[in-house]
C-alpha cells in the first residue's frame, strides 16, 4: 500500500437518485502505483468524474451524498471518514471548466494559490513562464481556450501536489492544442519525482507516447482495471452504460431525505455566517462593503426621495382642514415616513439592486467551478465570499436606509414648500418633532438584521448546486423574492413590537 498512490479495497460507489440508487462501481480491488502518469478512460456517464471529485474532496454537501462501500486510500490516507484534511495541498485538481477566478487577473489567480499553499507569491512569474504565459493578458476574459488550460495547470502546480487530477484538460482544443497541453502536463509531472498524475480523457491520441498506463473504468462490470501504456480502447470499454444496476428505493424516503438535507443546509449556512463574522480577508470585506454602500446609493436615494416627496405633497394637498393643523400633519407624515415606510422601501430597493447581482455572481462561480477551485487551493470559500457578503449587506442596508431617509427629508421639504409654502425651518421642526433616538436605533437595527439574513439567504441560494445556467437564473429569482420577504418580515415584526 505504501507504493500505491491510490488503493481501492472492496470499493463501491453509487449515486442516490429519486426512487433509486445508481451503482457505478462495485467490489473494486486495485492499487494504482505511485509516481505514474495515467489516463483515466471509459464510457461517458460511467462515473469517472464522480471518482475524481471524490478523490479531490469535492463532493457537493447540499445533495444526497454518494454511497461509498469498502475503503479508499490516497497517499496513505483513508477516506473512511470522508476526505482527509491532511491531503489538502497534496491533492490538486484541474476541472473541465478550469474554475478560473474571473474577477482576478491570471497572475493574481496563481498568487492566491501560492499564498494559500504557504508559498511565496513571487513564484507566480516562474509558474506562468513554465506554462508559456509570460505575457498573459491582464483579464481572464481575454484568454483563449488553450491559455485558460495553461493557466489552470499553473495554478494547480502552485501547491506542488503529490497527486494531480485532471478532468478532460484537452476538451474543446484542436489536435495541436490538445497535444501541447498533454506535453505540458507530462513535463510538469516529470519535474516532480513524487507526483502521480491521473487524467480523465477521451482524447488518447493527444497523450500518445506520454502515458505510463491507463486506468480503465469497465462500465459493464462496474469495476476498474489497470492497463499498460499502449492501451487501445475496445468497443466494450466505450459502450454506453447498461440500463441495469439501479436499485429501487422509496421515493417517499428520498423526498424526506432531500427535505431534511435542505433544512439542514440552510441551518448550516446560518451557522457558517455567524462563525465567519470575524473577517480574515479584510481587503475583500472592505471592497465589498464599499461597493454595497456606494453603487446602489443613487437608486435608493431616488426611491426615498420620491416616497418622501409624494407623501408630503399629498398629505398637505388633501388636508381636510384646509391648512389647519399643518404642523401636526407634517409631524405624523415624518414619523411614518422615516420610521416605517422609507426604511422598508430602502430594503426593497437594496434587494433589487444588490441581492440580484450577488446571487448571480455566486451562481456563476458555482456553475463554472470557481468555488470548487477555491476549495482545491485549500481556501475556505466562506472566508472569501460569505464573510464579505454578510458585512457588505449588514452595513450597506443601514447606510442606504439613512441615505433614503435624508433624500426623503429633502424631497419632503421641497414638496411642502410647493404645496403650502411651508418655510424650511418650520418644516424641519415639524418633520422631526416625533422622531426620537430610539426610533433611529430601531430603524438601523432592523436594517442591519435584514441585511444579515438577506446575505445568508443569498449565499445559501447562490452557492447551492448548479447544473445549468437555468439553475443560476432560478437562484437569482429566489434570492430576490427571499430577500424582500425577509425585509418585509423583519420590518413588520420590529415595527409592531416597537409601536404596538
Protein backbone atom coordinates (compact mmCIF):
# COMPACT_ATOMS: atom_id res chain seq x y z
CA UNK A 1 0.00 0.00 0.00
CA UNK A 2 2.94 2.33 0.63
CA UNK A 3 3.93 2.09 -3.08
CA UNK A 4 0.42 2.93 -4.25
CA UNK A 5 -0.85 6.43 -4.85
CA UNK A 6 -4.47 5.25 -4.77
CA UNK A 7 -5.76 1.98 -3.32
CA UNK A 8 -9.31 0.73 -3.85
CA UNK A 9 -10.26 -2.00 -1.35
CA UNK A 10 -13.64 -3.67 -1.99
CA UNK A 11 -14.61 -0.21 -3.15
CA UNK A 12 -18.12 0.63 -4.33
CA UNK A 13 -19.72 3.88 -5.43
CA UNK A 14 -23.41 4.63 -6.04
CA UNK A 15 -25.38 7.80 -6.73
CA UNK A 16 -28.61 8.34 -4.82
CA UNK A 17 -31.39 9.38 -7.20
CA UNK A 18 -35.11 9.95 -6.74
CA UNK A 19 -36.60 6.50 -6.31
CA UNK A 20 -33.40 4.55 -6.97
CA UNK A 21 -29.67 4.13 -6.43
CA UNK A 22 -27.43 4.06 -9.48
CA UNK A 23 -24.50 1.73 -8.93
CA UNK A 24 -21.32 2.99 -10.63
CA UNK A 25 -18.63 0.74 -9.14
CA UNK A 26 -18.81 -2.40 -7.05
CA UNK A 27 -16.18 -4.51 -5.30
CA UNK A 28 -13.14 -2.80 -6.83
CA UNK A 29 -9.77 -4.08 -5.60
CA UNK A 30 -6.93 -2.22 -7.28
CA UNK A 31 -3.74 -0.36 -6.40
CA UNK A 32 -2.54 2.45 -8.68
CA UNK A 33 1.28 2.59 -8.44
CA UNK A 34 2.71 5.89 -7.30
CA UNK A 35 4.66 8.32 -9.50
CA UNK A 36 2.99 7.27 -12.76
CA UNK A 37 1.31 9.38 -15.44
CA UNK A 38 -2.03 7.69 -16.17
CA UNK A 39 -5.03 8.23 -18.38
CA UNK A 40 -8.41 7.53 -16.82
CA UNK A 41 -10.72 6.28 -19.56
CA UNK A 42 -14.10 4.66 -20.04
CA UNK A 43 -17.56 5.28 -21.43
CA UNK A 44 -19.19 8.66 -20.89
CA UNK A 45 -21.52 8.62 -17.91
CA UNK A 46 -19.68 5.75 -16.29
CA UNK A 47 -18.58 7.68 -13.20
CA UNK A 48 -15.04 8.90 -13.96
CA UNK A 49 -15.78 12.48 -12.93
CA UNK A 50 -17.58 11.22 -9.82
CA UNK A 51 -14.48 9.26 -8.82
CA UNK A 52 -12.25 12.27 -9.49
CA UNK A 53 -14.41 14.62 -7.43
CA UNK A 54 -14.43 12.07 -4.60
CA UNK A 55 -10.62 11.86 -4.75
CA UNK A 56 -10.40 15.67 -4.76
CA UNK A 57 -12.79 16.14 -1.84
CA UNK A 58 -15.34 17.99 -3.98
CA UNK A 59 -18.49 16.08 -3.05
CA UNK A 60 -21.42 18.52 -3.08
CA UNK A 61 -22.55 18.86 0.57
CA UNK A 62 -26.08 20.02 -0.30
CA UNK A 63 -27.01 16.98 -2.34
CA UNK A 64 -27.52 13.41 -1.26
CA UNK A 65 -24.00 12.10 -0.65
CA UNK A 66 -22.96 9.18 -2.85
CA UNK A 67 -22.95 5.83 -1.14
CA UNK A 68 -19.40 4.57 -0.71
CA UNK A 69 -18.57 0.98 0.21
CA UNK A 70 -15.24 -0.52 1.20
CA UNK A 71 -12.23 1.73 1.57
CA UNK A 72 -10.33 4.24 -0.50
CA UNK A 73 -6.77 5.14 0.46
CA UNK A 74 -4.97 8.09 -1.18
CA UNK A 75 -1.30 8.77 -0.43
CA UNK A 76 -1.64 6.64 2.68
CA UNK A 77 -4.74 8.44 3.97
CA UNK A 78 -8.04 6.56 4.32
CA UNK A 79 -11.32 8.11 3.13
CA UNK A 80 -13.34 6.04 5.62
CA UNK A 81 -14.42 9.22 7.45
CA UNK A 82 -14.55 11.44 4.35
CA UNK A 83 -11.86 13.47 2.65
CA UNK A 84 -8.80 13.57 4.95
CA UNK A 85 -7.82 17.17 5.80
CA UNK A 86 -4.17 16.07 5.70
CA UNK A 87 -4.45 15.70 1.92
CA UNK A 88 -5.32 19.35 1.35
CA UNK A 89 -2.41 20.70 -0.66
CA UNK A 90 -1.13 17.22 -1.58
CA UNK A 91 -4.06 16.71 -3.98
CA UNK A 92 -4.89 19.24 -6.70
CA UNK A 93 -7.42 19.07 -9.49
CA UNK A 94 -7.78 20.75 -12.87
CA UNK A 95 -11.51 20.72 -13.56
CA UNK A 96 -13.06 20.67 -17.01
CA UNK A 97 -14.39 24.24 -16.65
CA UNK A 98 -11.00 25.29 -15.21
CA UNK A 99 -12.66 27.26 -12.39
CA UNK A 100 -10.51 30.34 -13.02
CA UNK A 101 -11.42 33.24 -10.75
CA UNK A 102 -12.59 35.71 -13.39
CA UNK A 103 -12.54 38.72 -11.04
CA UNK A 104 -8.77 38.33 -10.63
CA UNK A 105 -6.01 38.61 -13.19
CA UNK A 106 -4.20 35.47 -14.38
CA UNK A 107 -1.22 36.34 -12.21
CA UNK A 108 -3.48 37.00 -9.20
CA UNK A 109 -5.07 33.57 -9.68
CA UNK A 110 -1.67 31.93 -9.31
CA UNK A 111 -0.59 34.25 -6.48
CA UNK A 112 -3.69 33.34 -4.48
CA UNK A 113 -2.97 29.63 -4.94
CA UNK A 114 0.60 30.17 -3.79
CA UNK A 115 -0.46 32.17 -0.74
CA UNK A 116 -2.97 29.50 0.29
CA UNK A 117 -0.21 26.91 -0.07
CA UNK A 118 2.05 28.99 2.21
CA UNK A 119 4.44 29.68 -0.64
CA UNK A 120 5.79 32.99 -1.85
CA UNK A 121 3.57 34.81 -4.39
CA UNK A 122 6.81 35.79 -6.13
CA UNK A 123 6.86 32.27 -7.60
CA UNK A 124 3.88 33.18 -9.78
CA UNK A 125 6.05 34.58 -12.55
CA UNK A 126 8.03 31.33 -12.78
CA UNK A 127 4.89 29.17 -12.86
CA UNK A 128 3.37 31.32 -15.60
CA UNK A 129 6.58 31.09 -17.59
CA UNK A 130 6.61 27.31 -17.10
CA UNK A 131 3.25 27.01 -18.85
CA UNK A 132 4.07 29.56 -21.54
CA UNK A 133 2.07 32.50 -20.18
CA UNK A 134 4.85 35.00 -19.51
CA UNK A 135 2.86 37.68 -21.36
CA UNK A 136 -0.68 36.69 -20.48
CA UNK A 137 -3.45 39.31 -20.83
CA UNK A 138 -4.47 41.09 -17.65
CA UNK A 139 -8.06 39.79 -17.74
CA UNK A 140 -9.33 36.22 -17.64
CA UNK A 141 -11.99 37.08 -20.22
CA UNK A 142 -9.25 37.79 -22.82
CA UNK A 143 -7.65 34.34 -22.52
CA UNK A 144 -8.09 31.86 -25.34
CA UNK A 145 -9.21 28.30 -24.63
CA UNK A 146 -5.64 27.00 -24.68
CA UNK A 147 -4.41 29.81 -22.45
CA UNK A 148 -7.14 29.06 -19.92
CA UNK A 149 -5.99 25.43 -19.78
CA UNK A 150 -2.38 26.53 -19.29
CA UNK A 151 -3.33 28.93 -16.51
CA UNK A 152 -5.30 26.16 -14.77
CA UNK A 153 -2.17 23.98 -14.89
CA UNK A 154 0.00 26.76 -13.44
CA UNK A 155 -2.45 27.35 -10.61
CA UNK A 156 -2.72 23.63 -9.83
CA UNK A 157 1.08 23.36 -9.65
CA UNK A 158 1.26 26.17 -7.07
CA UNK A 159 0.91 23.73 -4.18
CA UNK A 160 3.40 21.19 -5.64
CA UNK A 161 0.76 18.44 -5.37
CA UNK A 162 1.73 14.81 -4.97
CA UNK A 163 -1.46 13.77 -6.77
CA UNK A 164 -2.63 15.84 -9.74
CA UNK A 165 -6.11 15.08 -11.06
CA UNK A 166 -7.21 16.41 -14.45
CA UNK A 167 -10.74 16.28 -15.87
CA UNK A 168 -10.72 16.49 -19.68
CA UNK A 169 -7.86 19.02 -19.85
CA UNK A 170 -7.83 18.94 -23.67
CA UNK A 171 -11.60 19.34 -24.16
CA UNK A 172 -12.50 21.99 -26.73
CA UNK A 173 -8.99 22.25 -28.16
CA UNK A 174 -7.86 21.42 -31.67
CA UNK A 175 -5.45 18.45 -32.08
CA UNK A 176 -2.37 20.68 -31.97
CA UNK A 177 -3.55 22.49 -28.84
CA UNK A 178 -4.52 19.19 -27.20
CA UNK A 179 -1.06 17.73 -27.81
CA UNK A 180 0.52 20.88 -26.39
CA UNK A 181 -1.49 20.59 -23.17
CA UNK A 182 -0.68 16.88 -22.93
CA UNK A 183 3.02 17.65 -23.31
CA UNK A 184 2.77 20.40 -20.70
CA UNK A 185 1.14 18.04 -18.20
CA UNK A 186 3.77 15.37 -18.81
CA UNK A 187 6.61 17.88 -18.42
CA UNK A 188 5.11 19.16 -15.16
CA UNK A 189 4.77 15.56 -13.97
CA UNK A 190 8.40 14.74 -14.75
CA UNK A 191 9.68 17.76 -12.84
CA UNK A 192 8.46 16.33 -9.52
CA UNK A 193 9.50 12.72 -8.85
CA UNK A 194 6.93 12.46 -6.03
CA UNK A 195 3.98 13.24 -8.27
CA UNK A 196 1.27 10.92 -9.59
CA UNK A 197 -0.92 12.30 -12.38
CA UNK A 198 -4.34 10.96 -13.35
CA UNK A 199 -6.00 12.43 -16.43
CA UNK A 200 -9.60 11.80 -17.44
CA UNK A 201 -9.66 11.96 -21.21
CA UNK A 202 -11.47 10.77 -24.32
CA UNK A 203 -8.58 12.02 -26.43
CA UNK A 204 -5.96 9.27 -26.08
CA UNK A 205 -4.15 10.26 -29.32
CA UNK A 206 -3.16 13.56 -27.71
CA UNK A 207 -1.34 11.61 -24.97
CA UNK A 208 0.24 9.04 -27.28
CA UNK A 209 3.74 8.12 -26.09
CA UNK A 210 3.37 10.02 -22.84
CA UNK A 211 1.42 7.57 -20.64
CA UNK A 212 2.71 5.11 -18.06
CA UNK A 213 -0.61 3.30 -18.10
CA UNK A 214 -4.36 3.64 -18.33
CA UNK A 215 -6.92 3.24 -15.58
CA UNK A 216 -9.97 1.82 -17.33
CA UNK A 217 -13.48 2.11 -15.91
CA UNK A 218 -15.26 -1.05 -17.10
CA UNK A 219 -18.87 0.12 -17.02
CA UNK A 220 -20.32 -3.28 -17.92
CA UNK A 221 -18.65 -4.96 -14.92
CA UNK A 222 -18.70 -1.84 -12.76
CA UNK A 223 -15.07 -2.14 -11.87
CA UNK A 224 -11.64 -0.64 -12.60
CA UNK A 225 -8.61 -2.24 -14.19
CA UNK A 226 -5.11 -1.02 -14.95
CA UNK A 227 -3.77 -1.35 -18.50
CA UNK A 228 -0.31 -0.70 -19.93
CA UNK A 229 0.89 2.44 -21.73
CA UNK A 230 -0.05 1.04 -25.13
CA UNK A 231 -3.71 0.58 -24.23
CA UNK A 232 -6.23 0.91 -27.04
CA UNK A 233 -9.94 1.16 -26.11
CA UNK A 234 -12.22 -1.66 -27.18
CA UNK A 235 -15.87 -1.43 -28.16
CA UNK A 236 -16.81 -2.82 -24.74
CA UNK A 237 -14.85 -0.04 -23.00
CA UNK A 238 -16.59 2.72 -24.96
CA UNK A 239 -20.08 1.21 -24.86
CA UNK A 240 -22.76 3.34 -23.15
CA UNK A 241 -23.63 2.46 -19.55
CA UNK A 242 -26.00 -0.50 -19.19
CA UNK A 243 -29.56 0.09 -18.07
CA UNK A 244 -29.33 -2.33 -15.19
CA UNK A 245 -27.71 -1.52 -11.91
CA UNK A 246 -30.19 0.86 -10.38
CA UNK A 247 -31.66 -0.47 -7.18
CA UNK A 248 -35.10 0.69 -6.17
CA UNK A 249 -35.54 2.96 -3.20
CA UNK A 250 -38.55 4.57 -1.64
CA UNK A 251 -39.46 7.86 -3.34
CA UNK A 252 -41.04 8.99 -0.10
CA UNK A 253 -37.82 8.25 1.75
CA UNK A 254 -35.79 10.07 -0.91
CA UNK A 255 -38.12 13.09 -0.72
CA UNK A 256 -37.91 13.15 3.07
CA UNK A 257 -34.13 12.87 2.91
CA UNK A 258 -33.99 15.75 0.42
CA UNK A 259 -36.26 17.96 2.54
CA UNK A 260 -34.25 17.30 5.68
CA UNK A 261 -30.97 17.92 3.87
CA UNK A 262 -32.26 21.26 2.55
CA UNK A 263 -33.35 22.35 6.01
CA UNK A 264 -30.02 21.26 7.45
CA UNK A 265 -28.20 23.07 4.65
CA UNK A 266 -29.91 26.39 5.41
CA UNK A 267 -29.19 25.95 9.12
CA UNK A 268 -25.58 25.25 8.23
CA UNK A 269 -25.48 28.40 6.07
CA UNK A 270 -26.78 30.45 9.01
CA UNK A 271 -24.27 28.95 11.45
CA UNK A 272 -21.47 29.37 8.91
CA UNK A 273 -22.33 33.06 8.54
CA UNK A 274 -22.14 33.50 12.31
CA UNK A 275 -18.85 31.58 12.55
CA UNK A 276 -17.31 33.58 9.71
CA UNK A 277 -18.27 37.00 11.04
CA UNK A 278 -14.70 37.85 12.15
CA UNK A 279 -13.19 38.92 8.82
CA UNK A 280 -9.95 37.23 7.82
CA UNK A 281 -9.77 38.76 4.34
CA UNK A 282 -10.01 42.43 5.31
CA UNK A 283 -9.38 43.67 1.78
CA UNK A 284 -12.24 41.62 0.35
CA UNK A 285 -14.59 42.78 3.12
CA UNK A 286 -13.66 46.45 2.67
CA UNK A 287 -14.12 46.35 -1.12
CA UNK A 288 -17.45 44.52 -0.91
CA UNK A 289 -18.79 46.87 1.78
CA UNK A 290 -17.72 49.96 -0.14
CA UNK A 291 -19.47 48.74 -3.30
CA UNK A 292 -22.64 47.83 -1.39
CA UNK A 293 -22.78 51.30 0.18
CA UNK A 294 -21.84 53.41 -2.83
CA UNK A 295 -23.09 51.74 -6.01
CA UNK A 296 -26.80 51.46 -5.06
CA UNK A 297 -26.90 54.86 -3.32
CA UNK A 298 -28.36 56.90 -6.23
CA UNK A 299 -31.03 54.26 -6.88
CA UNK A 300 -32.05 54.03 -3.21
CA UNK A 301 -31.91 57.83 -2.75
CA UNK A 302 -34.23 58.26 -5.73
CA UNK A 303 -36.74 55.84 -4.23
CA UNK A 304 -36.60 57.53 -0.82
CA UNK A 305 -36.93 60.96 -2.37
CA UNK A 306 -39.95 60.01 -4.46
CA UNK A 307 -41.72 58.45 -1.46
CA UNK A 308 -40.94 61.35 0.88
CA UNK A 309 -41.91 63.99 -1.65
CA UNK A 310 -45.16 62.33 -2.72
CA UNK A 311 -46.22 61.51 0.83
CA UNK A 312 -45.69 65.10 1.96
CA UNK A 313 -47.27 66.68 -1.11
CA UNK A 314 -50.44 64.63 -0.99
CA UNK A 315 -50.74 64.88 2.80
CA UNK A 316 -50.75 68.68 2.56
CA UNK A 317 -52.83 68.92 -0.61
CA UNK A 318 -55.50 66.64 0.84
CA UNK A 319 -55.60 68.27 4.27
CA UNK A 320 -59.29 68.17 5.25
CA UNK A 321 -58.76 71.21 7.49
CA UNK A 322 -57.50 73.27 4.53
CA UNK A 323 -54.27 74.41 6.10
CA UNK A 324 -55.21 73.92 9.73
CA UNK A 325 -53.08 71.65 11.91
CA UNK A 326 -50.42 71.64 9.19
CA UNK A 327 -47.59 71.24 11.69
CA UNK A 328 -49.21 68.16 13.24
CA UNK A 329 -49.82 66.73 9.80
CA UNK A 330 -46.15 67.11 8.89
CA UNK A 331 -45.15 65.58 12.23
CA UNK A 332 -47.23 62.49 11.57
CA UNK A 333 -46.03 62.20 7.98
CA UNK A 334 -42.40 62.50 9.06
CA UNK A 335 -42.83 59.84 11.75
CA UNK A 336 -44.46 57.33 9.40
CA UNK A 337 -42.08 58.05 6.54
CA UNK A 338 -38.80 57.94 8.46
CA UNK A 339 -39.64 55.21 10.97
CA UNK A 340 -41.61 52.83 8.74
CA UNK A 341 -42.15 53.43 5.02
CA UNK A 342 -38.82 54.77 3.79
CA UNK A 343 -36.68 52.14 5.61
CA UNK A 344 -38.94 49.42 4.22
CA UNK A 345 -38.67 50.81 0.69
CA UNK A 346 -34.89 51.17 1.08
CA UNK A 347 -34.68 47.48 1.98
CA UNK A 348 -36.70 46.52 -1.10
CA UNK A 349 -34.56 48.69 -3.37
CA UNK A 350 -31.39 47.29 -1.82
CA UNK A 351 -32.57 43.74 -2.58
CA UNK A 352 -33.45 44.66 -6.15
CA UNK A 353 -30.07 46.30 -6.76
CA UNK A 354 -27.59 44.32 -4.64
CA UNK A 355 -29.05 40.88 -3.95
CA UNK A 356 -29.67 40.09 -7.61
CA UNK A 357 -26.06 40.86 -8.51
CA UNK A 358 -24.62 38.94 -5.56
CA UNK A 359 -26.75 35.85 -6.24
CA UNK A 360 -25.85 35.93 -9.94
CA UNK A 361 -22.14 36.24 -9.13
CA UNK A 362 -22.22 33.35 -6.66
CA UNK A 363 -24.31 31.22 -9.01
CA UNK A 364 -21.92 31.80 -11.89
CA UNK A 365 -18.94 30.96 -9.67
CA UNK A 366 -20.63 27.74 -8.59
CA UNK A 367 -21.63 26.81 -12.14
CA UNK A 368 -18.12 27.39 -13.53
CA UNK A 369 -16.37 25.57 -10.65
CA UNK A 370 -14.72 28.69 -9.25
CA UNK A 371 -15.92 27.81 -5.75
CA UNK A 372 -14.66 24.25 -6.21
CA UNK A 373 -11.32 25.68 -7.33
CA UNK A 374 -11.07 27.70 -4.13
CA UNK A 375 -11.65 24.52 -2.14
CA UNK A 376 -8.95 22.73 -4.13
CA UNK A 377 -6.49 25.52 -3.34
CA UNK A 378 -7.13 24.95 0.36
CA UNK A 379 -9.22 28.09 0.82
CA UNK A 380 -12.40 28.36 2.83
CA UNK A 381 -14.76 29.83 0.21
CA UNK A 382 -16.82 31.31 3.05
CA UNK A 383 -13.88 33.50 4.13
CA UNK A 384 -13.52 34.96 0.63
CA UNK A 385 -17.19 35.09 -0.34
CA UNK A 386 -19.63 34.71 2.57
CA UNK A 387 -17.91 36.99 5.11
CA UNK A 388 -17.61 39.93 2.67
CA UNK A 389 -21.22 39.35 1.61
CA UNK A 390 -22.50 39.41 5.21
CA UNK A 391 -20.57 42.53 6.15
CA UNK A 392 -21.46 44.37 2.96
CA UNK A 393 -25.19 43.77 3.43
CA UNK A 394 -25.32 44.15 7.21
CA UNK A 395 -23.51 47.50 6.89
CA UNK A 396 -24.81 48.52 3.48
CA UNK A 397 -28.51 48.25 4.26
CA UNK A 398 -28.42 50.59 7.31
CA UNK A 399 -26.21 53.07 5.44
CA UNK A 400 -28.53 53.14 2.46
CA UNK A 401 -31.54 53.41 4.78
CA UNK A 402 -30.01 56.63 6.14
CA UNK A 403 -29.39 57.80 2.55
CA UNK A 404 -33.03 57.13 1.68
CA UNK A 405 -34.27 58.96 4.79
CA UNK A 406 -32.11 62.00 4.02
CA UNK A 407 -33.39 62.03 0.43
CA UNK A 408 -36.97 61.68 1.69
CA UNK A 409 -36.47 64.64 4.02
CA UNK A 410 -35.12 66.94 1.31
CA UNK A 411 -37.85 65.89 -1.11
CA UNK A 412 -40.46 66.44 1.62
CA UNK A 413 -39.04 69.92 2.24
CA UNK A 414 -39.43 70.81 -1.44
CA UNK A 415 -42.89 69.27 -1.61
CA UNK A 416 -44.05 71.19 1.49
CA UNK A 417 -42.82 74.44 0.00
CA UNK A 418 -44.60 73.70 -3.27
CA UNK A 419 -47.86 72.52 -1.70
CA UNK A 420 -48.36 75.11 1.02
CA UNK A 421 -45.37 77.43 1.12
CA UNK A 422 -44.07 75.93 4.37
CA UNK A 423 -40.73 77.55 5.34
CA UNK A 424 -37.70 75.33 5.76
CA UNK A 425 -37.35 75.97 9.49
CA UNK A 426 -40.97 75.17 10.18
CA UNK A 427 -40.82 72.03 8.07
CA UNK A 428 -37.71 70.66 9.78
CA UNK A 429 -39.11 71.36 13.24
CA UNK A 430 -42.41 69.63 12.46
CA UNK A 431 -40.95 66.77 10.37
CA UNK A 432 -38.58 65.62 13.13
CA UNK A 433 -40.76 66.54 16.12
CA UNK A 434 -41.81 62.96 16.88
CA UNK A 435 -38.55 61.24 15.86
CA UNK A 436 -36.52 60.02 18.84
CA UNK A 437 -33.16 58.36 19.31
CA UNK A 438 -34.98 55.10 19.96
CA UNK A 439 -36.71 55.39 16.57
CA UNK A 440 -33.31 55.77 14.91
CA UNK A 441 -31.94 52.75 16.81
CA UNK A 442 -34.93 50.61 15.78
CA UNK A 443 -34.64 51.65 12.13
CA UNK A 444 -30.90 50.91 11.98
CA UNK A 445 -31.29 47.69 13.96
CA UNK A 446 -33.96 46.20 11.72
CA UNK A 447 -31.98 47.27 8.64
CA UNK A 448 -28.83 45.56 9.94
CA UNK A 449 -30.72 42.41 10.88
CA UNK A 450 -32.42 42.35 7.49
CA UNK A 451 -29.07 42.77 5.76
CA UNK A 452 -27.52 39.89 7.68
CA UNK A 453 -30.41 37.50 7.00
CA UNK A 454 -30.63 38.54 3.34
CA UNK A 455 -26.90 37.83 2.96
CA UNK A 456 -27.36 34.34 4.42
CA UNK A 457 -30.26 33.62 2.03
CA UNK A 458 -28.26 34.99 -0.90
CA UNK A 459 -25.27 32.78 -0.04
CA UNK A 460 -27.45 29.73 0.50
CA UNK A 461 -29.25 30.09 -2.83
CA UNK A 462 -26.38 31.43 -4.93
CA UNK A 463 -23.73 28.93 -3.78
CA UNK A 464 -26.03 25.90 -3.95
CA UNK A 465 -25.68 23.17 -6.62
CA UNK A 466 -25.84 24.50 -10.18
CA UNK A 467 -26.08 22.14 -13.16
CA UNK A 468 -27.12 24.69 -15.79
CA UNK A 469 -27.47 28.39 -16.46
CA UNK A 470 -31.19 27.96 -15.78
CA UNK A 471 -30.30 26.98 -12.21
CA UNK A 472 -28.35 30.24 -11.88
CA UNK A 473 -31.33 32.29 -13.09
CA UNK A 474 -33.67 30.44 -10.74
CA UNK A 475 -31.34 31.13 -7.81
CA UNK A 476 -31.33 34.86 -8.63
CA UNK A 477 -35.14 34.96 -8.76
CA UNK A 478 -35.42 33.10 -5.48
CA UNK A 479 -32.81 35.29 -3.81
CA UNK A 480 -34.70 38.48 -4.73
CA UNK A 481 -38.02 37.08 -3.50
CA UNK A 482 -36.45 35.69 -0.33
CA UNK A 483 -34.62 38.96 0.31
CA UNK A 484 -37.77 41.06 0.00
CA UNK A 485 -39.71 38.60 2.16
CA UNK A 486 -37.01 38.81 4.85
CA UNK A 487 -37.01 42.62 4.75
CA UNK A 488 -40.81 42.75 4.95
CA UNK A 489 -40.95 40.26 7.82
CA UNK A 490 -38.14 41.84 9.83
CA UNK A 491 -39.56 45.35 9.45
CA UNK A 492 -43.12 44.26 10.22
CA UNK A 493 -42.15 42.36 13.36
CA UNK A 494 -39.84 45.10 14.64
CA UNK A 495 -42.37 47.86 13.90
CA UNK A 496 -45.24 46.10 15.60
CA UNK A 497 -43.06 45.14 18.56
CA UNK A 498 -41.92 48.74 18.99
CA UNK A 499 -45.08 50.73 18.33
CA UNK A 500 -47.98 48.44 19.20
